[in-house]
Amino acid sequence: MPIVTLLLASAGCGGGGARPVAAAAVSDGIPLGALPRQALGTGQCGLFLWKPGAGARLVLMAKSGPPPFARLILDGRTLDLPRLGGDAPADATADVTPRYGDGQTTAALDLTIEPRRGLSDGAVAHGSLRIERAGGEGFVVPVSGLLGCG
């Protein structure tokens, strides 16, 4: 009987109520964190991009604005990067290579956007997210996602 009690206690079943568990960190070597759920305001459009495959997570959300910006978590810090090169076009599917940056970090997208049955605003069938830092280092990750409007 003491062995069963020990096993239940070590498995977290020995009483004391539920304990919060920290989310497991993704150790895929990519310094992009998982964004929590993101909301859109009425009439606002957004682009939601996930890193697919093992360690899949929401890595970028871009809002049409005003002002237009992209949000991501890099090295544990949430960054809101303003859109470079002016406002987003009225038709979000028209811009498949937007760039966002703040002088220290640049996020460049290269996307293939397709209409999909059941989606009013389209899907990112495939694409890439390129992050460049002021010091010259950078990386590229594949992405897929959705366009949506609130």
N, C-alpha and C. Protein backbone atom coordinates (compact mmCIF):
# COMPACT_ATOMS: atom_id res chain seq x y z
N MET A 1 0.80 -1.20 0.00
CA MET A 1 0.00 0.00 0.00
C MET A 1 0.85 1.27 0.00
N PRO A 2 1.95 1.35 0.75
CA PRO A 2 2.77 2.55 0.72
C PRO A 2 3.33 2.83 -0.68
N ILE A 3 3.61 1.80 -1.48
CA ILE A 3 4.13 2.02 -2.83
C ILE A 3 3.08 2.70 -3.69
N VAL A 4 1.81 2.28 -3.59
CA VAL A 4 0.73 2.89 -4.36
C VAL A 4 0.57 4.35 -3.97
N THR A 5 0.61 4.64 -2.67
CA THR A 5 0.50 6.02 -2.20
C THR A 5 1.64 6.86 -2.74
N LEU A 6 2.85 6.32 -2.73
CA LEU A 6 4.01 7.04 -3.26
C LEU A 6 3.85 7.30 -4.75
N LEU A 7 3.38 6.31 -5.51
CA LEU A 7 3.18 6.49 -6.94
C LEU A 7 2.12 7.55 -7.23
N LEU A 8 1.01 7.51 -6.49
CA LEU A 8 -0.05 8.51 -6.70
C LEU A 8 0.44 9.91 -6.36
N ALA A 9 1.17 10.04 -5.28
CA ALA A 9 1.68 11.35 -4.89
C ALA A 9 2.67 11.88 -5.90
N SER A 10 3.55 11.02 -6.41
CA SER A 10 4.54 11.49 -7.37
C SER A 10 3.92 11.80 -8.72
N ALA A 11 2.77 11.19 -9.02
CA ALA A 11 2.09 11.46 -10.28
C ALA A 11 1.17 12.67 -10.18
N GLY A 12 1.07 13.27 -9.00
CA GLY A 12 0.21 14.44 -8.85
C GLY A 12 -1.22 14.08 -8.55
N CYS A 13 -1.48 12.82 -8.24
CA CYS A 13 -2.84 12.37 -7.98
C CYS A 13 -3.11 12.21 -6.49
N GLY A 14 -2.18 12.57 -5.65
CA GLY A 14 -2.31 12.33 -4.23
C GLY A 14 -3.05 13.41 -3.49
N GLY A 15 -3.86 14.21 -4.15
CA GLY A 15 -4.63 15.25 -3.48
C GLY A 15 -3.95 16.59 -3.56
N GLY A 16 -4.50 17.54 -2.84
CA GLY A 16 -3.93 18.88 -2.84
C GLY A 16 -4.45 19.74 -3.97
N GLY A 17 -5.33 19.21 -4.80
CA GLY A 17 -5.89 20.01 -5.89
C GLY A 17 -4.95 20.12 -7.08
N ALA A 18 -5.46 20.73 -8.12
CA ALA A 18 -4.67 20.90 -9.34
C ALA A 18 -3.60 21.96 -9.14
N ARG A 19 -2.46 21.71 -9.70
CA ARG A 19 -1.37 22.67 -9.65
C ARG A 19 -1.11 23.20 -11.05
N PRO A 20 -0.87 24.49 -11.19
CA PRO A 20 -0.58 25.00 -12.52
C PRO A 20 0.73 24.42 -13.04
N VAL A 21 0.73 24.12 -14.32
CA VAL A 21 1.92 23.57 -14.96
C VAL A 21 2.38 24.55 -16.02
N ALA A 22 3.66 24.87 -16.01
CA ALA A 22 4.21 25.77 -17.02
C ALA A 22 4.20 25.08 -18.37
N ALA A 23 3.93 25.84 -19.41
CA ALA A 23 3.95 25.29 -20.75
C ALA A 23 5.37 24.85 -21.08
N ALA A 24 5.47 23.73 -21.76
CA ALA A 24 6.78 23.22 -22.13
C ALA A 24 7.41 24.13 -23.17
N ALA A 25 8.65 24.45 -22.97
CA ALA A 25 9.37 25.28 -23.93
C ALA A 25 9.67 24.44 -25.17
N VAL A 26 9.57 25.04 -26.32
CA VAL A 26 9.87 24.36 -27.56
C VAL A 26 11.37 24.49 -27.79
N SER A 27 12.04 23.36 -27.93
CA SER A 27 13.48 23.41 -28.10
C SER A 27 13.86 23.00 -29.52
N ASP A 28 13.37 23.77 -30.49
CA ASP A 28 13.70 23.47 -31.88
C ASP A 28 14.81 24.39 -32.40
N GLY A 29 15.40 25.18 -31.50
CA GLY A 29 16.50 26.05 -31.89
C GLY A 29 16.08 27.36 -32.52
N ILE A 30 14.78 27.57 -32.69
CA ILE A 30 14.28 28.80 -33.30
C ILE A 30 13.83 29.72 -32.17
N PRO A 31 14.36 30.96 -32.09
CA PRO A 31 14.06 31.83 -30.96
C PRO A 31 12.72 32.56 -31.04
N LEU A 32 11.75 31.98 -31.76
CA LEU A 32 10.41 32.57 -31.86
C LEU A 32 9.50 31.89 -30.85
N GLY A 33 8.90 32.68 -29.97
CA GLY A 33 7.97 32.14 -28.99
C GLY A 33 6.57 32.01 -29.56
N ALA A 34 5.72 31.33 -28.82
CA ALA A 34 4.32 31.14 -29.21
C ALA A 34 3.50 32.32 -28.72
N LEU A 35 2.85 33.01 -29.64
CA LEU A 35 1.95 34.10 -29.26
C LEU A 35 0.69 33.53 -28.63
N PRO A 36 0.16 34.20 -27.61
CA PRO A 36 -1.15 33.79 -27.09
C PRO A 36 -2.24 34.18 -28.08
N ARG A 37 -3.47 33.84 -27.78
CA ARG A 37 -4.61 34.19 -28.64
C ARG A 37 -4.60 35.70 -28.89
N GLN A 38 -4.83 36.10 -30.13
CA GLN A 38 -4.84 37.51 -30.53
C GLN A 38 -6.24 37.87 -31.01
N ALA A 39 -6.70 39.06 -30.65
CA ALA A 39 -8.05 39.50 -31.01
C ALA A 39 -7.98 40.59 -32.08
N LEU A 40 -9.02 40.64 -32.89
CA LEU A 40 -9.18 41.69 -33.90
C LEU A 40 -10.37 42.55 -33.52
N GLY A 41 -10.23 43.86 -33.70
CA GLY A 41 -11.34 44.77 -33.49
C GLY A 41 -12.30 44.72 -34.66
N THR A 42 -13.48 45.26 -34.48
CA THR A 42 -14.48 45.31 -35.54
C THR A 42 -13.91 46.03 -36.75
N GLY A 43 -13.99 45.40 -37.90
CA GLY A 43 -13.50 45.99 -39.14
C GLY A 43 -11.99 45.89 -39.33
N GLN A 44 -11.30 45.30 -38.37
CA GLN A 44 -9.84 45.17 -38.47
C GLN A 44 -9.50 43.80 -39.06
N CYS A 45 -8.48 43.77 -39.91
CA CYS A 45 -8.05 42.51 -40.52
C CYS A 45 -6.68 42.11 -39.99
N GLY A 46 -6.44 40.82 -39.99
CA GLY A 46 -5.17 40.32 -39.48
C GLY A 46 -4.68 39.12 -40.24
N LEU A 47 -3.40 38.91 -40.14
CA LEU A 47 -2.71 37.77 -40.73
C LEU A 47 -2.14 36.97 -39.56
N PHE A 48 -2.44 35.68 -39.51
CA PHE A 48 -1.99 34.82 -38.42
C PHE A 48 -1.13 33.72 -39.02
N LEU A 49 0.13 33.65 -38.58
CA LEU A 49 1.07 32.69 -39.16
C LEU A 49 1.60 31.74 -38.09
N TRP A 50 1.60 30.46 -38.45
CA TRP A 50 2.11 29.41 -37.58
C TRP A 50 3.36 28.80 -38.18
N LYS A 51 4.26 28.38 -37.33
CA LYS A 51 5.37 27.53 -37.75
C LYS A 51 4.79 26.12 -37.77
N PRO A 52 4.75 25.47 -38.92
CA PRO A 52 4.14 24.14 -38.98
C PRO A 52 5.09 23.05 -38.50
N GLY A 53 4.56 21.85 -38.37
CA GLY A 53 5.38 20.69 -38.03
C GLY A 53 5.62 20.58 -36.54
N ALA A 54 6.71 19.87 -36.19
CA ALA A 54 7.07 19.68 -34.79
C ALA A 54 7.28 21.04 -34.14
N GLY A 55 6.72 21.22 -32.98
CA GLY A 55 6.84 22.51 -32.30
C GLY A 55 5.97 23.58 -32.93
N ALA A 56 4.88 23.17 -33.61
CA ALA A 56 3.99 24.13 -34.27
C ALA A 56 3.47 25.15 -33.26
N ARG A 57 3.46 26.41 -33.68
CA ARG A 57 2.98 27.48 -32.80
C ARG A 57 2.70 28.73 -33.61
N LEU A 58 1.82 29.60 -33.06
CA LEU A 58 1.54 30.90 -33.67
C LEU A 58 2.77 31.77 -33.47
N VAL A 59 3.44 32.16 -34.56
CA VAL A 59 4.70 32.91 -34.43
C VAL A 59 4.58 34.37 -34.84
N LEU A 60 3.52 34.73 -35.60
CA LEU A 60 3.38 36.12 -36.03
C LEU A 60 1.92 36.44 -36.25
N MET A 61 1.54 37.64 -35.83
CA MET A 61 0.22 38.18 -36.11
C MET A 61 0.45 39.59 -36.63
N ALA A 62 -0.09 39.88 -37.80
CA ALA A 62 0.03 41.22 -38.38
C ALA A 62 -1.37 41.82 -38.50
N LYS A 63 -1.54 43.04 -37.99
CA LYS A 63 -2.83 43.73 -38.07
C LYS A 63 -2.75 44.83 -39.12
N SER A 64 -3.91 45.07 -39.74
CA SER A 64 -3.98 46.08 -40.80
C SER A 64 -3.92 47.50 -40.26
N GLY A 65 -4.16 47.67 -38.97
CA GLY A 65 -4.02 49.00 -38.37
C GLY A 65 -5.34 49.73 -38.26
N PRO A 66 -5.29 51.03 -38.08
CA PRO A 66 -4.09 51.86 -38.04
C PRO A 66 -3.43 51.83 -36.67
N PRO A 67 -2.15 51.92 -36.59
CA PRO A 67 -1.19 51.73 -37.68
C PRO A 67 -0.96 50.24 -37.92
N PRO A 68 -0.58 49.86 -39.12
CA PRO A 68 -0.31 48.45 -39.40
C PRO A 68 0.99 48.01 -38.71
N PHE A 69 0.97 46.82 -38.12
CA PHE A 69 2.16 46.31 -37.43
C PHE A 69 2.12 44.79 -37.40
N ALA A 70 3.26 44.19 -37.07
CA ALA A 70 3.35 42.75 -36.86
C ALA A 70 3.84 42.50 -35.45
N ARG A 71 3.23 41.51 -34.80
CA ARG A 71 3.62 41.15 -33.43
C ARG A 71 4.24 39.75 -33.45
N LEU A 72 5.34 39.61 -32.73
CA LEU A 72 5.99 38.32 -32.57
C LEU A 72 6.72 38.31 -31.24
N ILE A 73 7.12 37.14 -30.81
CA ILE A 73 7.93 37.00 -29.59
C ILE A 73 9.28 36.48 -30.03
N LEU A 74 10.32 37.28 -29.81
CA LEU A 74 11.68 36.93 -30.21
C LEU A 74 12.56 36.95 -28.97
N ASP A 75 13.22 35.85 -28.72
CA ASP A 75 14.09 35.72 -27.53
C ASP A 75 13.34 36.06 -26.25
N GLY A 76 12.06 35.69 -26.18
CA GLY A 76 11.26 35.91 -24.98
C GLY A 76 10.66 37.30 -24.84
N ARG A 77 10.93 38.20 -25.79
CA ARG A 77 10.40 39.57 -25.74
C ARG A 77 9.33 39.75 -26.81
N THR A 78 8.19 40.32 -26.44
CA THR A 78 7.14 40.62 -27.41
C THR A 78 7.52 41.89 -28.16
N LEU A 79 7.52 41.80 -29.48
CA LEU A 79 7.85 42.95 -30.34
C LEU A 79 6.64 43.29 -31.20
N ASP A 80 6.29 44.57 -31.28
CA ASP A 80 5.32 45.09 -32.23
C ASP A 80 6.10 45.90 -33.23
N LEU A 81 6.29 45.36 -34.43
CA LEU A 81 7.10 45.99 -35.46
C LEU A 81 6.21 46.74 -36.44
N PRO A 82 6.46 48.04 -36.64
CA PRO A 82 5.65 48.79 -37.61
C PRO A 82 5.90 48.31 -39.04
N ARG A 83 4.87 48.46 -39.84
CA ARG A 83 4.98 48.08 -41.26
C ARG A 83 5.92 49.06 -41.95
N LEU A 84 6.80 48.53 -42.78
CA LEU A 84 7.72 49.36 -43.56
C LEU A 84 7.13 49.58 -44.95
N GLY A 85 7.30 50.76 -45.48
CA GLY A 85 6.83 51.03 -46.84
C GLY A 85 5.39 51.46 -46.93
N GLY A 86 4.83 52.01 -45.87
CA GLY A 86 3.48 52.56 -45.96
C GLY A 86 2.40 51.63 -45.46
N ASP A 87 1.17 52.06 -45.68
CA ASP A 87 0.00 51.31 -45.21
C ASP A 87 -0.20 50.05 -46.02
N ALA A 88 -0.91 49.12 -45.42
CA ALA A 88 -1.28 47.88 -46.11
C ALA A 88 -2.32 48.19 -47.17
N PRO A 89 -2.30 47.46 -48.29
CA PRO A 89 -3.34 47.67 -49.30
C PRO A 89 -4.70 47.27 -48.75
N ALA A 90 -5.75 47.83 -49.32
CA ALA A 90 -7.12 47.52 -48.87
C ALA A 90 -7.39 46.02 -48.97
N ASP A 91 -6.89 45.40 -50.03
CA ASP A 91 -7.03 43.96 -50.20
C ASP A 91 -5.77 43.29 -49.65
N ALA A 92 -5.89 42.69 -48.47
CA ALA A 92 -4.72 42.09 -47.82
C ALA A 92 -4.09 40.98 -48.65
N THR A 93 -4.87 40.35 -49.53
CA THR A 93 -4.31 39.28 -50.35
C THR A 93 -3.41 39.82 -51.45
N ALA A 94 -3.43 41.14 -51.67
CA ALA A 94 -2.62 41.73 -52.73
C ALA A 94 -1.15 41.87 -52.33
N ASP A 95 -0.85 41.91 -51.04
CA ASP A 95 0.52 42.10 -50.59
C ASP A 95 1.05 40.79 -50.01
N VAL A 96 1.86 40.10 -50.79
CA VAL A 96 2.39 38.82 -50.34
C VAL A 96 3.84 38.91 -49.86
N THR A 97 4.42 40.13 -49.87
CA THR A 97 5.80 40.31 -49.41
C THR A 97 5.93 41.50 -48.46
N PRO A 98 5.09 41.60 -47.43
CA PRO A 98 5.20 42.74 -46.52
C PRO A 98 6.46 42.66 -45.66
N ARG A 99 6.93 43.83 -45.21
CA ARG A 99 8.09 43.93 -44.32
C ARG A 99 7.71 44.80 -43.12
N TYR A 100 8.24 44.42 -41.97
CA TYR A 100 7.99 45.13 -40.72
C TYR A 100 9.33 45.31 -40.02
N GLY A 101 9.53 46.45 -39.34
CA GLY A 101 10.80 46.62 -38.65
C GLY A 101 10.83 47.82 -37.74
N ASP A 102 11.83 47.82 -36.84
CA ASP A 102 11.99 48.92 -35.89
C ASP A 102 13.42 49.46 -35.85
N GLY A 103 14.24 49.15 -36.83
CA GLY A 103 15.63 49.60 -36.84
C GLY A 103 16.58 48.60 -36.21
N GLN A 104 16.06 47.74 -35.34
CA GLN A 104 16.88 46.69 -34.72
C GLN A 104 16.53 45.30 -35.26
N THR A 105 15.25 45.12 -35.57
CA THR A 105 14.75 43.83 -36.04
C THR A 105 13.85 44.05 -37.24
N THR A 106 14.02 43.23 -38.27
CA THR A 106 13.16 43.28 -39.45
C THR A 106 12.54 41.91 -39.66
N ALA A 107 11.24 41.89 -39.93
CA ALA A 107 10.52 40.66 -40.27
C ALA A 107 10.01 40.83 -41.70
N ALA A 108 10.44 39.94 -42.58
CA ALA A 108 10.02 39.98 -43.98
C ALA A 108 9.27 38.70 -44.31
N LEU A 109 8.13 38.85 -44.96
CA LEU A 109 7.29 37.71 -45.31
C LEU A 109 7.29 37.49 -46.81
N ASP A 110 7.20 36.25 -47.21
CA ASP A 110 7.01 35.87 -48.61
C ASP A 110 5.94 34.79 -48.59
N LEU A 111 4.72 35.14 -49.04
CA LEU A 111 3.55 34.29 -48.82
C LEU A 111 2.86 33.91 -50.12
N THR A 112 2.23 32.75 -50.11
CA THR A 112 1.31 32.34 -51.16
C THR A 112 -0.07 32.26 -50.51
N ILE A 113 -0.96 33.17 -50.91
CA ILE A 113 -2.29 33.26 -50.32
C ILE A 113 -3.30 32.71 -51.31
N GLU A 114 -4.16 31.81 -50.83
CA GLU A 114 -5.16 31.17 -51.68
C GLU A 114 -6.55 31.32 -51.08
N PRO A 115 -7.57 31.45 -51.94
CA PRO A 115 -8.93 31.37 -51.41
C PRO A 115 -9.20 29.93 -50.98
N ARG A 116 -9.94 29.74 -49.92
CA ARG A 116 -10.28 28.40 -49.45
C ARG A 116 -11.77 28.35 -49.15
N ARG A 117 -12.38 27.27 -49.52
CA ARG A 117 -13.80 27.07 -49.25
C ARG A 117 -14.02 27.13 -47.74
N GLY A 118 -15.00 27.91 -47.33
CA GLY A 118 -15.31 28.05 -45.92
C GLY A 118 -14.55 29.17 -45.23
N LEU A 119 -13.59 29.78 -45.92
CA LEU A 119 -12.85 30.91 -45.37
C LEU A 119 -13.18 32.14 -46.19
N SER A 120 -13.58 33.21 -45.54
CA SER A 120 -13.95 34.41 -46.29
C SER A 120 -12.74 35.22 -46.71
N ASP A 121 -11.62 35.08 -46.01
CA ASP A 121 -10.50 35.97 -46.27
C ASP A 121 -9.25 35.30 -46.81
N GLY A 122 -9.18 33.99 -46.85
CA GLY A 122 -8.06 33.31 -47.47
C GLY A 122 -7.14 32.60 -46.51
N ALA A 123 -6.30 31.75 -47.09
CA ALA A 123 -5.35 30.96 -46.32
C ALA A 123 -3.96 31.16 -46.88
N VAL A 124 -2.98 31.12 -46.02
CA VAL A 124 -1.59 31.14 -46.44
C VAL A 124 -1.20 29.68 -46.62
N ALA A 125 -1.16 29.25 -47.88
CA ALA A 125 -0.86 27.86 -48.18
C ALA A 125 0.57 27.51 -47.79
N HIS A 126 1.47 28.40 -48.08
CA HIS A 126 2.86 28.24 -47.65
C HIS A 126 3.54 29.59 -47.74
N GLY A 127 4.62 29.70 -47.03
CA GLY A 127 5.36 30.95 -47.04
C GLY A 127 6.60 30.86 -46.17
N SER A 128 7.29 31.99 -46.07
CA SER A 128 8.47 32.05 -45.22
C SER A 128 8.47 33.36 -44.44
N LEU A 129 9.04 33.29 -43.25
CA LEU A 129 9.25 34.43 -42.38
C LEU A 129 10.75 34.56 -42.20
N ARG A 130 11.30 35.69 -42.62
CA ARG A 130 12.73 35.94 -42.48
C ARG A 130 12.93 37.01 -41.41
N ILE A 131 13.70 36.71 -40.39
CA ILE A 131 14.03 37.66 -39.33
C ILE A 131 15.48 38.08 -39.52
N GLU A 132 15.71 39.39 -39.54
CA GLU A 132 17.07 39.93 -39.62
C GLU A 132 17.26 40.87 -38.45
N ARG A 133 18.44 40.79 -37.83
CA ARG A 133 18.76 41.66 -36.70
C ARG A 133 19.85 42.64 -37.10
N ALA A 134 19.92 43.76 -36.38
CA ALA A 134 20.87 44.83 -36.70
C ALA A 134 22.31 44.32 -36.74
N GLY A 135 22.66 43.35 -35.92
CA GLY A 135 24.02 42.83 -35.88
C GLY A 135 24.37 41.95 -37.06
N GLY A 136 23.42 41.70 -37.95
CA GLY A 136 23.68 40.91 -39.14
C GLY A 136 23.20 39.47 -39.07
N GLU A 137 22.85 38.99 -37.89
CA GLU A 137 22.38 37.61 -37.81
C GLU A 137 20.90 37.55 -38.18
N GLY A 138 20.48 36.39 -38.59
CA GLY A 138 19.09 36.22 -38.96
C GLY A 138 18.77 34.76 -39.18
N PHE A 139 17.52 34.48 -39.50
CA PHE A 139 17.08 33.12 -39.78
C PHE A 139 15.79 33.17 -40.58
N VAL A 140 15.44 32.05 -41.19
CA VAL A 140 14.22 31.92 -41.99
C VAL A 140 13.47 30.68 -41.50
N VAL A 141 12.15 30.81 -41.34
CA VAL A 141 11.32 29.67 -40.96
C VAL A 141 10.14 29.57 -41.92
N PRO A 142 9.70 28.34 -42.22
CA PRO A 142 8.49 28.18 -43.03
C PRO A 142 7.28 28.54 -42.19
N VAL A 143 6.25 29.08 -42.84
CA VAL A 143 5.01 29.44 -42.15
C VAL A 143 3.80 29.07 -43.00
N SER A 144 2.68 28.89 -42.33
CA SER A 144 1.38 28.77 -42.99
C SER A 144 0.39 29.48 -42.09
N GLY A 145 -0.79 29.79 -42.61
CA GLY A 145 -1.70 30.53 -41.75
C GLY A 145 -3.00 30.94 -42.40
N LEU A 146 -3.61 31.98 -41.83
CA LEU A 146 -4.92 32.46 -42.25
C LEU A 146 -4.97 33.98 -42.26
N LEU A 147 -5.82 34.50 -43.13
CA LEU A 147 -6.20 35.91 -43.11
C LEU A 147 -7.60 35.96 -42.53
N GLY A 148 -7.85 36.95 -41.70
CA GLY A 148 -9.19 37.07 -41.13
C GLY A 148 -9.52 38.51 -40.80
N CYS A 149 -10.80 38.82 -40.78
CA CYS A 149 -11.26 40.16 -40.43
C CYS A 149 -12.31 40.06 -39.33
N GLY A 150 -12.27 41.03 -38.41
CA GLY A 150 -13.20 41.04 -37.28
C GLY A 150 -14.44 41.82 -37.59
